[in-house]
């Protein structure tokens, strides 16, 4: 009985989490939302059918007491029906969990670049900050901005601008280290986390990133010309006992200094 109650509590918690995700306006345009909502409605309809069958079974069981010669056979048949329905219910619960996890992963991903989005980065920032503080480990933060991105959109159109951001995202994936974290901070800005890293090593990786982006050439819509990309970066290291967003603000100020100094460079603050 305790195991059944625990399963019921876990099922209720899963359904509440799913209802919360579906009600979140941030997921209104997510392609998984509609099929997930339909599957949830189908699951609840199936659950109601199971409950009705159980009530019918209880009533049927009471009536069958008048026919003791066939009670065992009738009971066995009903148990087999309920076991079959239970297996179907388990299948739907498994599908619900898988779709819930898929929706959760989608909520942390930027659809254009397929990097982590700002929500994902904020969660990773808190985790890495807490780990850095607790274990007294260094942590560096960098913010990257694609230079003159508005000019690209204005001169060549948003499709070319989107392609430029995808190419930058690919360059970032290949240029950072395996244990670094990168995501799209917003617009043409990307944020990089360097755990267990001092500022000199973070600057070295940032320069490798900048070189990789500088090697990108985007083709114009007419197909006749290409143009290069460049990026500016602001980098900082976590200071003891400071709030998580103070380092982000300092990295943003370093990025602003890089732009004012002529762009296509890394600045440390």
Protein backbone atom coordinates (compact mmCIF):
# COMPACT_ATOMS: atom_id res chain seq x y z
CA UNK A 1 0.00 0.00 0.00
CA UNK A 2 2.85 2.40 0.83
CA UNK A 3 4.43 1.74 -2.57
CA UNK A 4 1.10 2.50 -4.27
CA UNK A 5 0.75 5.76 -2.35
CA UNK A 6 4.30 6.75 -3.23
CA UNK A 7 3.62 6.04 -6.92
CA UNK A 8 0.43 8.13 -6.74
CA UNK A 9 2.33 11.03 -5.16
CA UNK A 10 5.04 10.84 -7.85
CA UNK A 11 2.37 10.76 -10.56
CA UNK A 12 0.60 13.82 -9.08
CA UNK A 13 3.91 15.70 -8.87
CA UNK A 14 4.71 14.85 -12.51
CA UNK A 15 1.28 16.06 -13.68
CA UNK A 16 1.61 19.31 -11.68
CA UNK A 17 5.05 19.94 -13.21
CA UNK A 18 3.64 19.26 -16.66
CA UNK A 19 0.69 21.61 -16.14
CA UNK A 20 3.11 24.33 -15.00
CA UNK A 21 5.30 23.90 -18.10
CA UNK A 22 2.29 23.97 -20.44
CA UNK A 23 0.91 27.10 -18.74
CA UNK A 24 4.24 28.95 -19.06
CA UNK A 25 3.86 31.61 -21.85
CA UNK A 26 7.53 31.08 -22.68
CA UNK A 27 6.60 27.71 -24.22
CA UNK A 28 3.57 28.93 -26.20
CA UNK A 29 5.41 28.63 -29.54
CA UNK A 30 7.29 25.42 -28.71
CA UNK A 31 6.49 22.67 -31.28
CA UNK A 32 6.34 20.06 -28.50
CA UNK A 33 3.63 21.90 -26.56
CA UNK A 34 0.59 20.84 -28.66
CA UNK A 35 1.39 17.09 -28.82
CA UNK A 36 2.30 17.11 -25.14
CA UNK A 37 -1.02 18.75 -24.23
CA UNK A 38 -2.90 16.18 -26.35
CA UNK A 39 -1.03 13.30 -24.72
CA UNK A 40 -1.76 14.71 -21.26
CA UNK A 41 -5.49 14.93 -22.07
CA UNK A 42 -5.42 11.37 -23.43
CA UNK A 43 -3.68 10.14 -20.28
CA UNK A 44 -6.28 11.76 -18.03
CA UNK A 45 -9.09 10.30 -20.12
CA UNK A 46 -7.49 6.87 -19.84
CA UNK A 47 -7.05 7.34 -16.08
CA UNK A 48 -10.76 8.12 -15.70
CA UNK A 49 -11.62 4.97 -17.64
CA UNK A 50 -9.46 2.91 -15.31
CA UNK A 51 -11.21 4.37 -12.26
CA UNK A 52 -14.61 3.61 -13.77
CA UNK A 53 -13.54 0.03 -14.48
CA UNK A 54 -12.31 -0.34 -10.91
CA UNK A 55 -15.69 0.87 -9.58
CA UNK A 56 -17.48 -1.49 -11.95
CA UNK A 57 -15.17 -4.28 -10.82
CA UNK A 58 -15.98 -3.59 -7.17
CA UNK A 59 -19.70 -3.74 -7.87
CA UNK A 60 -19.30 -6.84 -9.98
CA UNK A 61 -17.30 -8.47 -7.22
CA UNK A 62 -20.14 -7.90 -4.76
CA UNK A 63 -22.68 -9.44 -7.11
CA UNK A 64 -20.49 -12.44 -7.83
CA UNK A 65 -20.57 -13.47 -4.20
CA UNK A 66 -24.05 -14.85 -4.95
CA UNK A 67 -22.44 -17.25 -7.40
CA UNK A 68 -19.66 -18.89 -5.45
CA UNK A 69 -19.12 -21.59 -8.04
CA UNK A 70 -17.74 -19.07 -10.61
CA UNK A 71 -16.30 -16.39 -8.31
CA UNK A 72 -12.65 -17.35 -8.82
CA UNK A 73 -12.91 -17.38 -12.61
CA UNK A 74 -14.65 -14.00 -12.73
CA UNK A 75 -12.16 -12.48 -10.35
CA UNK A 76 -9.20 -13.77 -12.38
CA UNK A 77 -10.65 -12.33 -15.59
CA UNK A 78 -11.15 -8.94 -13.97
CA UNK A 79 -7.61 -8.94 -12.58
CA UNK A 80 -6.22 -9.72 -16.03
CA UNK A 81 -8.21 -6.79 -17.50
CA UNK A 82 -6.93 -4.45 -14.83
CA UNK A 83 -3.33 -5.64 -15.31
CA UNK A 84 -3.61 -4.90 -19.02
CA UNK A 85 -4.96 -1.41 -18.32
CA UNK A 86 -2.20 -0.87 -15.77
CA UNK A 87 0.43 -1.71 -18.40
CA UNK A 88 -1.17 0.80 -20.78
CA UNK A 89 -1.16 3.40 -18.00
CA UNK A 90 2.53 2.73 -17.30
CA UNK A 91 3.30 3.23 -20.98
CA UNK A 92 1.53 6.59 -21.01
CA UNK A 93 3.34 7.67 -17.84
CA UNK A 94 6.67 6.77 -19.43
CA UNK A 95 5.78 8.79 -22.53
CA UNK A 96 4.74 11.71 -20.35
CA UNK A 97 8.07 11.66 -18.52
CA UNK A 98 10.00 11.54 -21.80
CA UNK A 99 8.03 14.41 -23.30
CA UNK A 100 8.34 16.43 -20.10
CA UNK A 101 12.12 16.00 -20.19
CA UNK A 102 12.19 16.92 -23.89
CA UNK A 103 10.16 20.07 -23.19
CA UNK A 104 12.46 20.97 -20.29
CA UNK A 105 15.53 20.59 -22.51
CA UNK A 106 13.88 22.69 -25.22
CA UNK A 107 13.16 25.44 -22.68
CA UNK A 108 16.93 25.75 -22.05
CA UNK A 109 18.00 25.85 -25.73
CA UNK A 110 18.25 28.74 -28.16
CA UNK A 111 16.45 27.53 -31.32
CA UNK A 112 18.62 29.49 -33.77
CA UNK A 113 22.11 28.53 -32.57
CA UNK A 114 21.17 25.37 -30.61
CA UNK A 115 23.35 26.63 -27.77
CA UNK A 116 22.02 27.12 -24.26
CA UNK A 117 19.81 30.20 -23.88
CA UNK A 118 19.87 32.91 -21.21
CA UNK A 119 17.77 30.83 -18.81
CA UNK A 120 20.24 27.96 -19.13
CA UNK A 121 23.20 30.29 -18.62
CA UNK A 122 21.69 31.84 -15.47
CA UNK A 123 21.28 28.36 -13.98
CA UNK A 124 24.84 27.39 -14.87
CA UNK A 125 26.12 30.71 -13.50
CA UNK A 126 24.52 30.03 -10.11
CA UNK A 127 25.83 26.45 -10.04
CA UNK A 128 29.40 27.37 -10.99
CA UNK A 129 29.44 30.36 -8.63
CA UNK A 130 28.32 28.23 -5.71
CA UNK A 131 30.90 25.55 -6.54
CA UNK A 132 33.63 28.18 -6.94
CA UNK A 133 32.73 29.80 -3.62
CA UNK A 134 32.38 26.54 -1.69
CA UNK A 135 35.64 24.98 -2.95
CA UNK A 136 37.54 28.28 -3.27
CA UNK A 137 38.18 27.68 -6.98
CA UNK A 138 38.75 30.36 -9.63
CA UNK A 139 36.00 31.15 -12.13
CA UNK A 140 36.10 33.50 -15.12
CA UNK A 141 33.25 34.98 -17.16
CA UNK A 142 33.40 36.41 -20.69
CA UNK A 143 30.81 38.17 -22.81
CA UNK A 144 31.30 38.15 -26.59
CA UNK A 145 29.64 40.50 -29.07
CA UNK A 146 29.68 40.06 -32.86
CA UNK A 147 31.09 43.30 -34.25
CA UNK A 148 28.83 45.53 -36.39
CA UNK A 149 26.06 42.96 -36.42
CA UNK A 150 23.38 45.56 -37.12
CA UNK A 151 25.23 46.52 -40.30
CA UNK A 152 25.13 42.89 -41.43
CA UNK A 153 21.35 42.72 -40.94
CA UNK A 154 20.79 46.11 -42.58
CA UNK A 155 23.04 45.43 -45.57
CA UNK A 156 22.33 41.76 -46.23
CA UNK A 157 19.08 40.89 -44.47
CA UNK A 158 18.13 38.92 -41.37
CA UNK A 159 18.61 35.53 -43.03
CA UNK A 160 22.30 36.32 -43.53
CA UNK A 161 22.45 37.67 -39.98
CA UNK A 162 20.98 34.41 -38.66
CA UNK A 163 23.52 32.41 -40.66
CA UNK A 164 26.31 34.54 -39.18
CA UNK A 165 25.10 33.77 -35.64
CA UNK A 166 24.95 30.06 -36.41
CA UNK A 167 28.51 30.14 -37.76
CA UNK A 168 29.70 32.00 -34.66
CA UNK A 169 28.00 29.41 -32.44
CA UNK A 170 29.80 26.61 -34.31
CA UNK A 171 33.13 28.40 -33.90
CA UNK A 172 32.50 28.79 -30.18
CA UNK A 173 31.71 25.11 -29.75
CA UNK A 174 35.01 24.10 -31.32
CA UNK A 175 37.21 26.81 -29.78
CA UNK A 176 36.29 26.52 -26.09
CA UNK A 177 37.50 23.72 -23.83
CA UNK A 178 35.38 20.66 -23.06
CA UNK A 179 34.57 21.79 -19.51
CA UNK A 180 33.72 25.41 -20.44
CA UNK A 181 30.12 26.54 -20.92
CA UNK A 182 28.85 28.76 -23.72
CA UNK A 183 25.39 30.02 -24.61
CA UNK A 184 23.53 32.80 -26.35
CA UNK A 185 23.16 35.65 -23.87
CA UNK A 186 20.85 37.62 -26.17
CA UNK A 187 20.85 39.15 -29.66
CA UNK A 188 24.41 38.90 -31.01
CA UNK A 189 25.94 38.40 -27.54
CA UNK A 190 27.27 35.12 -26.14
CA UNK A 191 28.41 34.32 -22.62
CA UNK A 192 31.26 31.94 -21.77
CA UNK A 193 31.98 30.41 -18.35
CA UNK A 194 35.52 29.22 -17.55
CA UNK A 195 35.35 27.06 -14.38
CA UNK A 196 38.51 26.44 -12.34
CA UNK A 197 40.32 28.93 -14.58
CA UNK A 198 42.51 31.94 -13.85
CA UNK A 199 42.24 35.08 -15.94
CA UNK A 200 45.39 34.47 -18.02
CA UNK A 201 44.15 31.05 -19.19
CA UNK A 202 40.65 32.43 -19.84
CA UNK A 203 42.17 35.21 -21.94
CA UNK A 204 44.15 32.64 -23.94
CA UNK A 205 40.95 30.70 -24.74
CA UNK A 206 39.10 33.93 -25.52
CA UNK A 207 41.76 34.87 -28.05
CA UNK A 208 41.43 31.43 -29.65
CA UNK A 209 37.68 32.07 -29.90
CA UNK A 210 38.25 35.49 -31.45
CA UNK A 211 40.67 34.04 -34.00
CA UNK A 212 38.18 31.31 -34.95
CA UNK A 213 35.44 33.88 -35.52
CA UNK A 214 37.82 36.05 -37.54
CA UNK A 215 38.32 33.11 -39.91
CA UNK A 216 34.60 33.02 -40.77
CA UNK A 217 33.55 34.45 -44.13
CA UNK A 218 29.84 34.86 -44.86
CA UNK A 219 28.52 34.77 -48.41
CA UNK A 220 26.32 37.67 -49.50
CA UNK A 221 22.82 36.90 -50.82
CA UNK A 222 23.88 37.60 -54.42
CA UNK A 223 26.58 34.93 -54.12
CA UNK A 224 29.17 37.20 -55.62
CA UNK A 225 31.00 38.40 -52.53
CA UNK A 226 31.89 37.29 -49.03
CA UNK A 227 32.62 39.32 -45.92
CA UNK A 228 34.50 38.39 -42.72
CA UNK A 229 33.25 38.44 -39.15
CA UNK A 230 34.97 39.68 -36.02
CA UNK A 231 34.09 39.80 -32.33
CA UNK A 232 34.85 41.77 -29.18
CA UNK A 233 35.15 40.14 -25.75
CA UNK A 234 35.07 41.35 -22.16
CA UNK A 235 36.57 39.01 -19.56
CA UNK A 236 36.71 39.04 -15.76
CA UNK A 237 37.45 36.74 -12.83
CA UNK A 238 35.17 36.14 -9.85
CA UNK A 239 36.15 38.09 -6.76
CA UNK A 240 35.73 36.60 -3.27
CA UNK A 241 32.28 36.99 -1.68
CA UNK A 242 30.78 39.01 -4.55
CA UNK A 243 27.26 38.48 -5.89
CA UNK A 244 26.90 36.33 -8.97
CA UNK A 245 25.80 39.14 -11.30
CA UNK A 246 28.59 41.55 -10.31
CA UNK A 247 31.13 39.62 -12.37
CA UNK A 248 28.69 39.56 -15.32
CA UNK A 249 28.34 43.33 -15.05
CA UNK A 250 32.12 43.72 -14.93
CA UNK A 251 32.52 41.49 -18.00
CA UNK A 252 29.93 43.62 -19.78
CA UNK A 253 31.88 46.77 -18.88
CA UNK A 254 35.04 45.11 -20.24
CA UNK A 255 33.17 44.34 -23.47
CA UNK A 256 32.12 47.99 -23.74
CA UNK A 257 35.78 48.99 -23.30
CA UNK A 258 36.77 46.61 -26.11
CA UNK A 259 34.23 48.22 -28.43
CA UNK A 260 35.38 51.72 -27.55
CA UNK A 261 38.98 50.70 -28.20
CA UNK A 262 38.14 49.75 -31.80
CA UNK A 263 36.49 46.29 -31.53
CA UNK A 264 37.97 42.93 -32.62
CA UNK A 265 39.86 42.53 -29.35
CA UNK A 266 39.62 41.10 -25.82
CA UNK A 267 39.68 43.34 -22.73
CA UNK A 268 40.15 42.17 -19.13
CA UNK A 269 38.70 43.96 -16.10
